[in-house]
Amino acid sequence: MAAPLVTLNDGNSIPAVGLGVFKVAPADTQQAVSAALRAGYRHIDTAAAYRNERETGRAVAESDVPREQLYVVTKLANPDQGYDSTLTAFDASMNRLGFDYLDLYLIHWPQPDLGKFVDTFKAFAHLRDQGRIRSIGVSNFEPEHLTVLVDATGIVPAVNQIELHPLFPQTELREVHAQRGIATEAWAPLGRGALLDHPTVARVAKDSGRTPAQVLLRWHLQLGNIVIPKSVNPTRIASNFDVFDFELSADQMAAIASLDDGTRLGPNPRTFTYTGR
């Protein structure tokens, strides 16, 4: 079964479930992406900072799935922010991926101390206008960053990819996204594994006849989130994609939502400074 599509504010569509390759070693990336493509995934999410774009591209090239049927995302590394440096970094990412166009390009972190994300997004828009990128977006942007970006460029990002899971459901930010027409994409949708053994999740999983990961991913989908669960295990990769033929009840959705305790597992985008590539 194919993943449902989410229509973006620029008219393009993104599959609601993708494979994320954050912290997947380059040596493991090609087999993980290949396993995902065999399982039915058509959306792959990487980043320059993950150092596995080359292996991601190789898996795509060696797959029997035509490139035009795939949705591939990568992200600009923080040190490359700035207009001219963005153009150079994009070329480098495309060379590593082996593509002549990209489906979605994201600013990885706002890093407001740099003061460069507006110029960076203007370079994104230039690349989009050249036909080299289908959609442009951001990652880890808070409401104030989005306001600055939209006010300065007149362009609303298609996607904001953010930390989002039942412990940290980002209710206010999702409301901002809804008001602006920005699609919400969740990284760490399983809470980096912290929720898989939670008694509430286990109970919902048992009652649904599903795995804890499946009910967590289903919770996201019913909220309207795009999700990019990570795994290198082919069985789990396939299981994480098998989430389209059941629904959680309102009570089950509420039970999972009740886990919200404000726990952020990753860095705070307002203060995070990342210097790696």
C-alpha atoms as a PDB file:
ATOM      1  CA  MET A   1       0.000   0.000   0.000  1.00  0.00           C
ATOM      2  CA  ALA A   2       1.340   3.426  -0.926  1.00  0.00           C
ATOM      3  CA  ALA A   3       1.727   6.146   1.675  1.00  0.00           C
ATOM      4  CA  PRO A   4      -0.916   8.875   1.519  1.00  0.00           C
ATOM      5  CA  LEU A   5       0.234  12.151   0.023  1.00  0.00           C
ATOM      6  CA  VAL A   6       0.240  15.522   1.772  1.00  0.00           C
ATOM      7  CA  THR A   7      -0.321  18.473  -0.563  1.00  0.00           C
ATOM      8  CA  LEU A   8       2.084  21.326   0.132  1.00  0.00           C
ATOM      9  CA  ASN A   9       1.388  25.057  -0.187  1.00  0.00           C
ATOM     10  CA  ASP A  10       3.210  25.155  -3.545  1.00  0.00           C
ATOM     11  CA  GLY A  11       0.979  22.471  -5.061  1.00  0.00           C
ATOM     12  CA  ASN A  12       3.513  19.659  -4.830  1.00  0.00           C
ATOM     13  CA  SER A  13       2.845  16.527  -2.773  1.00  0.00           C
ATOM     14  CA  ILE A  14       4.992  14.644  -0.272  1.00  0.00           C
ATOM     15  CA  PRO A  15       4.453  11.059   0.953  1.00  0.00           C
ATOM     16  CA  ALA A  16       3.328  11.163   4.579  1.00  0.00           C
ATOM     17  CA  VAL A  17       5.817   8.478   5.678  1.00  0.00           C
ATOM     18  CA  GLY A  18       9.489   8.457   4.791  1.00  0.00           C
ATOM     19  CA  LEU A  19      12.705   6.852   5.947  1.00  0.00           C
ATOM     20  CA  GLY A  20      15.030   9.091   7.941  1.00  0.00           C
ATOM     21  CA  VAL A  21      18.748   8.340   7.909  1.00  0.00           C
ATOM     22  CA  PHE A  22      19.906  10.578  10.776  1.00  0.00           C
ATOM     23  CA  LYS A  23      22.843   8.906  12.554  1.00  0.00           C
ATOM     24  CA  VAL A  24      22.821   6.016  10.083  1.00  0.00           C
ATOM     25  CA  ALA A  25      26.441   5.179   9.336  1.00  0.00           C
ATOM     26  CA  PRO A  26      27.398   5.599   5.678  1.00  0.00           C
ATOM     27  CA  ALA A  27      28.239   1.886   5.563  1.00  0.00           C
ATOM     28  CA  ASP A  28      24.646   1.041   6.585  1.00  0.00           C
ATOM     29  CA  THR A  29      22.797   3.705   4.626  1.00  0.00           C
ATOM     30  CA  GLN A  30      22.597   2.092   1.209  1.00  0.00           C
ATOM     31  CA  GLN A  31      21.130  -1.165   2.506  1.00  0.00           C
ATOM     32  CA  ALA A  32      18.658   0.691   4.752  1.00  0.00           C
ATOM     33  CA  VAL A  33      17.415   2.893   1.908  1.00  0.00           C
ATOM     34  CA  SER A  34      17.254  -0.097  -0.428  1.00  0.00           C
ATOM     35  CA  ALA A  35      15.204  -2.034   2.148  1.00  0.00           C
ATOM     36  CA  ALA A  36      12.855   0.922   2.498  1.00  0.00           C
ATOM     37  CA  LEU A  37      12.324   1.188  -1.244  1.00  0.00           C
ATOM     38  CA  ARG A  38      11.559  -2.538  -1.424  1.00  0.00           C
ATOM     39  CA  ALA A  39       9.049  -2.133   1.427  1.00  0.00           C
ATOM     40  CA  GLY A  40       7.173   0.579  -0.470  1.00  0.00           C
ATOM     41  CA  TYR A  41       8.693   3.805   0.847  1.00  0.00           C
ATOM     42  CA  ARG A  42       8.967   6.529  -1.752  1.00  0.00           C
ATOM     43  CA  HIS A  43      10.229   9.295   0.552  1.00  0.00           C
ATOM     44  CA  ILE A  44      13.822   9.394   1.833  1.00  0.00           C
ATOM     45  CA  ASP A  45      15.176  12.095   4.161  1.00  0.00           C
ATOM     46  CA  THR A  46      18.905  12.811   4.485  1.00  0.00           C
ATOM     47  CA  ALA A  47      21.134  15.855   5.137  1.00  0.00           C
ATOM     48  CA  ALA A  48      24.583  17.127   4.304  1.00  0.00           C
ATOM     49  CA  ALA A  49      25.438  16.913   8.005  1.00  0.00           C
ATOM     50  CA  TYR A  50      24.568  13.195   8.108  1.00  0.00           C
ATOM     51  CA  ARG A  51      27.450  12.435   5.740  1.00  0.00           C
ATOM     52  CA  ASN A  52      25.429   9.763   3.945  1.00  0.00           C
ATOM     53  CA  GLU A  53      24.034  11.609   0.926  1.00  0.00           C
ATOM     54  CA  ARG A  54      26.309   9.658  -1.422  1.00  0.00           C
ATOM     55  CA  GLU A  55      25.066   6.291  -0.134  1.00  0.00           C
ATOM     56  CA  THR A  56      21.460   7.507  -0.240  1.00  0.00           C
ATOM     57  CA  GLY A  57      21.871   8.484  -3.880  1.00  0.00           C
ATOM     58  CA  ARG A  58      23.548   5.185  -4.699  1.00  0.00           C
ATOM     59  CA  ALA A  59      20.596   3.231  -3.287  1.00  0.00           C
ATOM     60  CA  VAL A  60      18.212   5.320  -5.387  1.00  0.00           C
ATOM     61  CA  ALA A  61      20.320   4.822  -8.514  1.00  0.00           C
ATOM     62  CA  GLU A  62      20.469   1.053  -8.048  1.00  0.00           C
ATOM     63  CA  SER A  63      16.760   0.684  -7.265  1.00  0.00           C
ATOM     64  CA  ASP A  64      14.273  -0.384  -9.897  1.00  0.00           C
ATOM     65  CA  VAL A  65      11.982   2.446  -8.749  1.00  0.00           C
ATOM     66  CA  PRO A  66      12.173   5.328 -11.242  1.00  0.00           C
ATOM     67  CA  ARG A  67      13.619   8.537  -9.792  1.00  0.00           C
ATOM     68  CA  GLU A  68      10.476  10.479 -10.708  1.00  0.00           C
ATOM     69  CA  GLN A  69       8.450   8.221  -8.402  1.00  0.00           C
ATOM     70  CA  LEU A  70      10.653   9.064  -5.417  1.00  0.00           C
ATOM     71  CA  TYR A  71      10.666  12.018  -3.046  1.00  0.00           C
ATOM     72  CA  VAL A  72      14.144  12.823  -1.729  1.00  0.00           C
ATOM     73  CA  VAL A  73      14.923  15.477   0.866  1.00  0.00           C
ATOM     74  CA  THR A  74      18.258  16.859   1.992  1.00  0.00           C
ATOM     75  CA  LYS A  75      19.272  19.749   4.221  1.00  0.00           C
ATOM     76  CA  LEU A  76      21.825  22.533   4.142  1.00  0.00           C
ATOM     77  CA  ALA A  77      24.500  22.306   6.832  1.00  0.00           C
ATOM     78  CA  ASN A  78      24.657  25.307   9.167  1.00  0.00           C
ATOM     79  CA  PRO A  79      28.187  26.458   8.227  1.00  0.00           C
ATOM     80  CA  ASP A  80      27.027  26.779   4.617  1.00  0.00           C
ATOM     81  CA  GLN A  81      24.312  29.344   5.321  1.00  0.00           C
ATOM     82  CA  GLY A  82      24.512  32.531   3.263  1.00  0.00           C
ATOM     83  CA  TYR A  83      23.481  33.234  -0.331  1.00  0.00           C
ATOM     84  CA  ASP A  84      26.574  32.281  -2.331  1.00  0.00           C
ATOM     85  CA  SER A  85      27.697  29.530   0.049  1.00  0.00           C
ATOM     86  CA  THR A  86      24.235  27.962  -0.171  1.00  0.00           C
ATOM     87  CA  LEU A  87      24.473  27.738  -3.956  1.00  0.00           C
ATOM     88  CA  THR A  88      27.872  26.053  -3.657  1.00  0.00           C
ATOM     89  CA  ALA A  89      26.688  23.663  -0.950  1.00  0.00           C
ATOM     90  CA  PHE A  90      23.618  22.694  -2.966  1.00  0.00           C
ATOM     91  CA  ASP A  91      25.813  21.761  -5.924  1.00  0.00           C
ATOM     92  CA  ALA A  92      27.943  19.620  -3.615  1.00  0.00           C
ATOM     93  CA  SER A  93      24.895  17.825  -2.214  1.00  0.00           C
ATOM     94  CA  MET A  94      23.552  17.176  -5.703  1.00  0.00           C
ATOM     95  CA  ASN A  95      26.891  15.784  -6.786  1.00  0.00           C
ATOM     96  CA  ARG A  96      26.933  13.419  -3.822  1.00  0.00           C
ATOM     97  CA  LEU A  97      23.325  12.360  -4.439  1.00  0.00           C
ATOM     98  CA  GLY A  98      23.868  12.056  -8.181  1.00  0.00           C
ATOM     99  CA  PHE A  99      20.624  13.896  -8.988  1.00  0.00           C
ATOM    100  CA  ASP A 100      19.759  16.623 -11.439  1.00  0.00           C
ATOM    101  CA  TYR A 101      16.871  17.891  -9.286  1.00  0.00           C
ATOM    102  CA  LEU A 102      15.810  17.690  -5.637  1.00  0.00           C
ATOM    103  CA  ASP A 103      12.278  17.299  -4.312  1.00  0.00           C
ATOM    104  CA  LEU A 104      12.703  19.292  -1.087  1.00  0.00           C
ATOM    105  CA  TYR A 105      15.593  21.322   0.340  1.00  0.00           C
ATOM    106  CA  LEU A 106      15.553  22.410   3.989  1.00  0.00           C
ATOM    107  CA  ILE A 107      17.566  24.855   6.086  1.00  0.00           C
ATOM    108  CA  HIS A 108      18.685  22.404   8.762  1.00  0.00           C
ATOM    109  CA  TRP A 109      18.658  24.812  11.739  1.00  0.00           C
ATOM    110  CA  PRO A 110      17.794  28.513  11.982  1.00  0.00           C
ATOM    111  CA  GLN A 111      20.940  29.250  14.008  1.00  0.00           C
ATOM    112  CA  PRO A 112      19.741  32.818  14.653  1.00  0.00           C
ATOM    113  CA  ASP A 113      23.153  33.871  15.965  1.00  0.00           C
ATOM    114  CA  LEU A 114      24.448  33.589  12.383  1.00  0.00           C
ATOM    115  CA  GLY A 115      21.773  35.913  11.035  1.00  0.00           C
ATOM    116  CA  LYS A 116      21.966  34.250   7.636  1.00  0.00           C
ATOM    117  CA  PHE A 117      18.802  32.216   7.216  1.00  0.00           C
ATOM    118  CA  VAL A 118      16.995  34.918   5.213  1.00  0.00           C
ATOM    119  CA  ASP A 119      19.789  35.152   2.620  1.00  0.00           C
ATOM    120  CA  THR A 120      19.953  31.371   2.623  1.00  0.00           C
ATOM    121  CA  PHE A 121      16.252  31.073   1.839  1.00  0.00           C
ATOM    122  CA  LYS A 122      16.592  33.630  -0.960  1.00  0.00           C
ATOM    123  CA  ALA A 123      19.188  31.301  -2.499  1.00  0.00           C
ATOM    124  CA  PHE A 124      16.735  28.411  -2.050  1.00  0.00           C
ATOM    125  CA  ALA A 125      14.117  30.422  -3.945  1.00  0.00           C
ATOM    126  CA  HIS A 126      16.597  31.095  -6.749  1.00  0.00           C
ATOM    127  CA  LEU A 127      17.330  27.369  -7.063  1.00  0.00           C
ATOM    128  CA  ARG A 128      13.622  26.607  -7.078  1.00  0.00           C
ATOM    129  CA  ASP A 129      13.022  29.200  -9.787  1.00  0.00           C
ATOM    130  CA  GLN A 130      15.757  27.516 -11.844  1.00  0.00           C
ATOM    131  CA  GLY A 131      13.848  24.226 -11.588  1.00  0.00           C
ATOM    132  CA  ARG A 132      16.579  22.534  -9.569  1.00  0.00           C
ATOM    133  CA  ILE A 133      14.394  22.153  -6.455  1.00  0.00           C
ATOM    134  CA  ARG A 134      10.688  21.359  -6.442  1.00  0.00           C
ATOM    135  CA  SER A 135       9.911  22.650  -2.928  1.00  0.00           C
ATOM    136  CA  ILE A 136      11.779  24.680  -0.309  1.00  0.00           C
ATOM    137  CA  GLY A 137      11.380  24.574   3.435  1.00  0.00           C
ATOM    138  CA  VAL A 138      12.999  24.745   6.829  1.00  0.00           C
ATOM    139  CA  SER A 139      13.773  22.560   9.806  1.00  0.00           C
ATOM    140  CA  ASN A 140      13.697  23.368  13.517  1.00  0.00           C
ATOM    141  CA  PHE A 141      12.300  26.866  12.987  1.00  0.00           C
ATOM    142  CA  GLU A 142      10.373  28.439  15.855  1.00  0.00           C
ATOM    143  CA  PRO A 143       7.457  30.860  15.254  1.00  0.00           C
ATOM    144  CA  GLU A 144       9.639  33.960  15.486  1.00  0.00           C
ATOM    145  CA  HIS A 145      12.057  32.539  12.909  1.00  0.00           C
ATOM    146  CA  LEU A 146       9.173  31.830  10.548  1.00  0.00           C
ATOM    147  CA  THR A 147       7.881  35.380  10.962  1.00  0.00           C
ATOM    148  CA  VAL A 148      11.263  36.899  10.132  1.00  0.00           C
ATOM    149  CA  LEU A 149      11.664  34.610   7.125  1.00  0.00           C
ATOM    150  CA  VAL A 150       8.226  35.210   5.620  1.00  0.00           C
ATOM    151  CA  ASP A 151       8.304  38.948   6.265  1.00  0.00           C
ATOM    152  CA  ALA A 152      11.729  39.279   4.621  1.00  0.00           C
ATOM    153  CA  THR A 153      11.173  37.039   1.590  1.00  0.00           C
ATOM    154  CA  GLY A 154       7.419  36.928   1.039  1.00  0.00           C
ATOM    155  CA  ILE A 155       7.742  33.140   0.717  1.00  0.00           C
ATOM    156  CA  VAL A 156       6.057  30.715   3.097  1.00  0.00           C
ATOM    157  CA  PRO A 157       8.133  27.534   3.582  1.00  0.00           C
ATOM    158  CA  ALA A 158       6.418  24.415   2.299  1.00  0.00           C
ATOM    159  CA  VAL A 159       7.550  22.319   5.282  1.00  0.00           C
ATOM    160  CA  ASN A 160       8.964  22.805   8.765  1.00  0.00           C
ATOM    161  CA  GLN A 161      10.621  19.631  10.010  1.00  0.00           C
ATOM    162  CA  ILE A 162      10.687  19.692  13.819  1.00  0.00           C
ATOM    163  CA  GLU A 163      11.164  17.464  16.839  1.00  0.00           C
ATOM    164  CA  LEU A 164       7.680  16.137  17.527  1.00  0.00           C
ATOM    165  CA  HIS A 165       6.430  13.131  19.506  1.00  0.00           C
ATOM    166  CA  PRO A 166       3.825  12.514  22.234  1.00  0.00           C
ATOM    167  CA  LEU A 167       6.178  13.781  24.958  1.00  0.00           C
ATOM    168  CA  PHE A 168       6.654  17.009  22.986  1.00  0.00           C
ATOM    169  CA  PRO A 169       3.687  17.452  20.622  1.00  0.00           C
ATOM    170  CA  GLN A 170       4.467  21.038  19.606  1.00  0.00           C
ATOM    171  CA  THR A 171       0.815  22.076  19.776  1.00  0.00           C
ATOM    172  CA  GLU A 172       1.459  25.821  19.503  1.00  0.00           C
ATOM    173  CA  LEU A 173       3.927  25.470  16.635  1.00  0.00           C
ATOM    174  CA  ARG A 174       1.573  23.157  14.760  1.00  0.00           C
ATOM    175  CA  GLU A 175      -1.127  25.807  15.109  1.00  0.00           C
ATOM    176  CA  VAL A 176       1.234  28.386  13.608  1.00  0.00           C
ATOM    177  CA  HIS A 177       1.913  25.988  10.742  1.00  0.00           C
ATOM    178  CA  ALA A 178      -1.813  25.506  10.155  1.00  0.00           C
ATOM    179  CA  GLN A 179      -2.382  29.269  10.088  1.00  0.00           C
ATOM    180  CA  ARG A 180       0.437  29.801   7.580  1.00  0.00           C
ATOM    181  CA  GLY A 181      -0.191  26.715   5.441  1.00  0.00           C
ATOM    182  CA  ILE A 182       3.100  25.030   6.373  1.00  0.00           C
ATOM    183  CA  ALA A 183       3.215  21.228   6.494  1.00  0.00           C
ATOM    184  CA  THR A 184       4.452  19.768   9.789  1.00  0.00           C
ATOM    185  CA  GLU A 185       7.069  17.039   9.521  1.00  0.00           C
ATOM    186  CA  ALA A 186       8.120  15.179  12.669  1.00  0.00           C
ATOM    187  CA  TRP A 187      11.652  14.058  13.361  1.00  0.00           C
ATOM    188  CA  ALA A 188      12.142  11.650  16.272  1.00  0.00           C
ATOM    189  CA  PRO A 189       8.463  10.650  15.827  1.00  0.00           C
ATOM    190  CA  LEU A 190       8.993   7.671  18.167  1.00  0.00           C
ATOM    191  CA  GLY A 191      10.692   9.812  20.807  1.00  0.00           C
ATOM    192  CA  ARG A 192      14.040   8.243  19.897  1.00  0.00           C
ATOM    193  CA  GLY A 193      12.670   4.939  21.174  1.00  0.00           C
ATOM    194  CA  ALA A 194      11.837   6.321  24.613  1.00  0.00           C
ATOM    195  CA  LEU A 195       8.115   5.695  24.134  1.00  0.00           C
ATOM    196  CA  LEU A 196       8.211   2.160  22.779  1.00  0.00           C
ATOM    197  CA  ASP A 197       8.052   0.619  26.271  1.00  0.00           C
ATOM    198  CA  HIS A 198       5.677   3.156  27.796  1.00  0.00           C
ATOM    199  CA  PRO A 199       2.707   1.376  29.468  1.00  0.00           C
ATOM    200  CA  THR A 200       0.144   3.612  27.766  1.00  0.00           C
ATOM    201  CA  VAL A 201       1.624   3.000  24.324  1.00  0.00           C
ATOM    202  CA  ALA A 202       1.920  -0.720  25.073  1.00  0.00           C
ATOM    203  CA  ARG A 203      -1.758  -0.876  26.060  1.00  0.00           C
ATOM    204  CA  VAL A 204      -2.901   0.904  22.897  1.00  0.00           C
ATOM    205  CA  ALA A 205      -0.660  -1.370  20.836  1.00  0.00           C
ATOM    206  CA  LYS A 206      -2.084  -4.488  22.474  1.00  0.00           C
ATOM    207  CA  ASP A 207      -5.673  -3.324  22.029  1.00  0.00           C
ATOM    208  CA  SER A 208      -4.979  -2.488  18.372  1.00  0.00           C
ATOM    209  CA  GLY A 209      -3.051  -5.650  17.576  1.00  0.00           C
ATOM    210  CA  ARG A 210      -0.154  -3.488  16.431  1.00  0.00           C
ATOM    211  CA  THR A 211       3.396  -2.719  17.528  1.00  0.00           C
ATOM    212  CA  PRO A 212       4.119   0.298  19.758  1.00  0.00           C
ATOM    213  CA  ALA A 213       5.962   1.964  16.881  1.00  0.00           C
ATOM    214  CA  GLN A 214       2.992   1.474  14.572  1.00  0.00           C
ATOM    215  CA  VAL A 215       0.498   3.066  16.955  1.00  0.00           C
ATOM    216  CA  LEU A 216       2.834   6.010  17.570  1.00  0.00           C
ATOM    217  CA  LEU A 217       3.239   6.572  13.849  1.00  0.00           C
ATOM    218  CA  ARG A 218      -0.522   6.231  13.380  1.00  0.00           C
ATOM    219  CA  TRP A 219      -1.048   8.889  16.069  1.00  0.00           C
ATOM    220  CA  HIS A 220       1.114  11.269  14.038  1.00  0.00           C
ATOM    221  CA  LEU A 221      -0.665  10.516  10.781  1.00  0.00           C
ATOM    222  CA  GLN A 222      -4.077  11.124  12.304  1.00  0.00           C
ATOM    223  CA  LEU A 223      -2.825  14.496  13.568  1.00  0.00           C
ATOM    224  CA  GLY A 224      -1.770  15.326  10.005  1.00  0.00           C
ATOM    225  CA  ASN A 225       1.977  15.066  10.608  1.00  0.00           C
ATOM    226  CA  ILE A 226       4.490  13.780   8.083  1.00  0.00           C
ATOM    227  CA  VAL A 227       6.843  11.261   9.742  1.00  0.00           C
ATOM    228  CA  ILE A 228      10.354   9.989   8.998  1.00  0.00           C
ATOM    229  CA  PRO A 229      11.077   7.080  11.371  1.00  0.00           C
ATOM    230  CA  LYS A 230      14.648   5.786  11.329  1.00  0.00           C
ATOM    231  CA  SER A 231      15.784   2.167  11.309  1.00  0.00           C
ATOM    232  CA  VAL A 232      18.457   0.043   9.673  1.00  0.00           C
ATOM    233  CA  ASN A 233      16.598  -3.210  10.378  1.00  0.00           C
ATOM    234  CA  PRO A 234      14.663  -4.329   7.266  1.00  0.00           C
ATOM    235  CA  THR A 235      11.910  -5.940   9.350  1.00  0.00           C
ATOM    236  CA  ARG A 236      11.340  -2.805  11.417  1.00  0.00           C
ATOM    237  CA  ILE A 237      11.602  -0.620   8.316  1.00  0.00           C
ATOM    238  CA  ALA A 238       8.780  -2.619   6.726  1.00  0.00           C
ATOM    239  CA  SER A 239       6.738  -2.671   9.945  1.00  0.00           C
ATOM    240  CA  ASN A 240       6.989   1.115  10.307  1.00  0.00           C
ATOM    241  CA  PHE A 241       5.469   1.471   6.846  1.00  0.00           C
ATOM    242  CA  ASP A 242       2.539  -0.837   7.618  1.00  0.00           C
ATOM    243  CA  VAL A 243       0.395   1.865   9.219  1.00  0.00           C
ATOM    244  CA  PHE A 244      -2.221   2.742   6.618  1.00  0.00           C
ATOM    245  CA  ASP A 245      -4.902   0.099   7.168  1.00  0.00           C
ATOM    246  CA  PHE A 246      -6.040   0.865  10.720  1.00  0.00           C
ATOM    247  CA  GLU A 247      -7.130   3.847  12.794  1.00  0.00           C
ATOM    248  CA  LEU A 248      -6.828   4.782  16.434  1.00  0.00           C
ATOM    249  CA  SER A 249     -10.019   5.679  18.262  1.00  0.00           C
ATOM    250  CA  ALA A 250     -10.548   9.099  19.791  1.00  0.00           C
ATOM    251  CA  ASP A 251      -9.864   7.600  23.228  1.00  0.00           C
ATOM    252  CA  GLN A 252      -6.630   6.011  22.023  1.00  0.00           C
ATOM    253  CA  MET A 253      -5.514   9.279  20.445  1.00  0.00           C
ATOM    254  CA  ALA A 254      -6.262  11.086  23.706  1.00  0.00           C
ATOM    255  CA  ALA A 255      -4.399   8.476  25.759  1.00  0.00           C
ATOM    256  CA  ILE A 256      -1.247   8.943  23.675  1.00  0.00           C
ATOM    257  CA  ALA A 257      -1.651  12.730  23.718  1.00  0.00           C
ATOM    258  CA  SER A 258      -1.791  12.611  27.524  1.00  0.00           C
ATOM    259  CA  LEU A 259       1.906  11.671  27.550  1.00  0.00           C
ATOM    260  CA  ASP A 260       2.795  15.313  26.820  1.00  0.00           C
ATOM    261  CA  ASP A 261       5.195  16.447  29.544  1.00  0.00           C
ATOM    262  CA  GLY A 262       7.174  19.010  27.554  1.00  0.00           C
ATOM    263  CA  THR A 263      10.267  16.804  27.222  1.00  0.00           C
ATOM    264  CA  ARG A 264      12.457  18.011  24.391  1.00  0.00           C
ATOM    265  CA  LEU A 265      14.967  15.311  23.445  1.00  0.00           C
ATOM    266  CA  GLY A 266      17.022  17.351  20.981  1.00  0.00           C
ATOM    267  CA  PRO A 267      18.597  20.820  21.050  1.00  0.00           C
ATOM    268  CA  ASN A 268      16.619  24.013  21.504  1.00  0.00           C
ATOM    269  CA  PRO A 269      16.558  25.779  18.104  1.00  0.00           C
ATOM    270  CA  ARG A 270      16.584  29.190  19.766  1.00  0.00           C
ATOM    271  CA  THR A 271      20.056  28.583  21.188  1.00  0.00           C
ATOM    272  CA  PHE A 272      21.551  25.688  19.235  1.00  0.00           C
ATOM    273  CA  THR A 273      24.747  26.387  17.353  1.00  0.00           C
ATOM    274  CA  TYR A 274      25.892  23.587  15.080  1.00  0.00           C
ATOM    275  CA  THR A 275      29.227  23.913  13.330  1.00  0.00           C
ATOM    276  CA  GLY A 276      29.567  20.474  11.743  1.00  0.00           C
ATOM    277  CA  ARG A 277      28.903  19.625   8.121  1.00  0.00           C
END
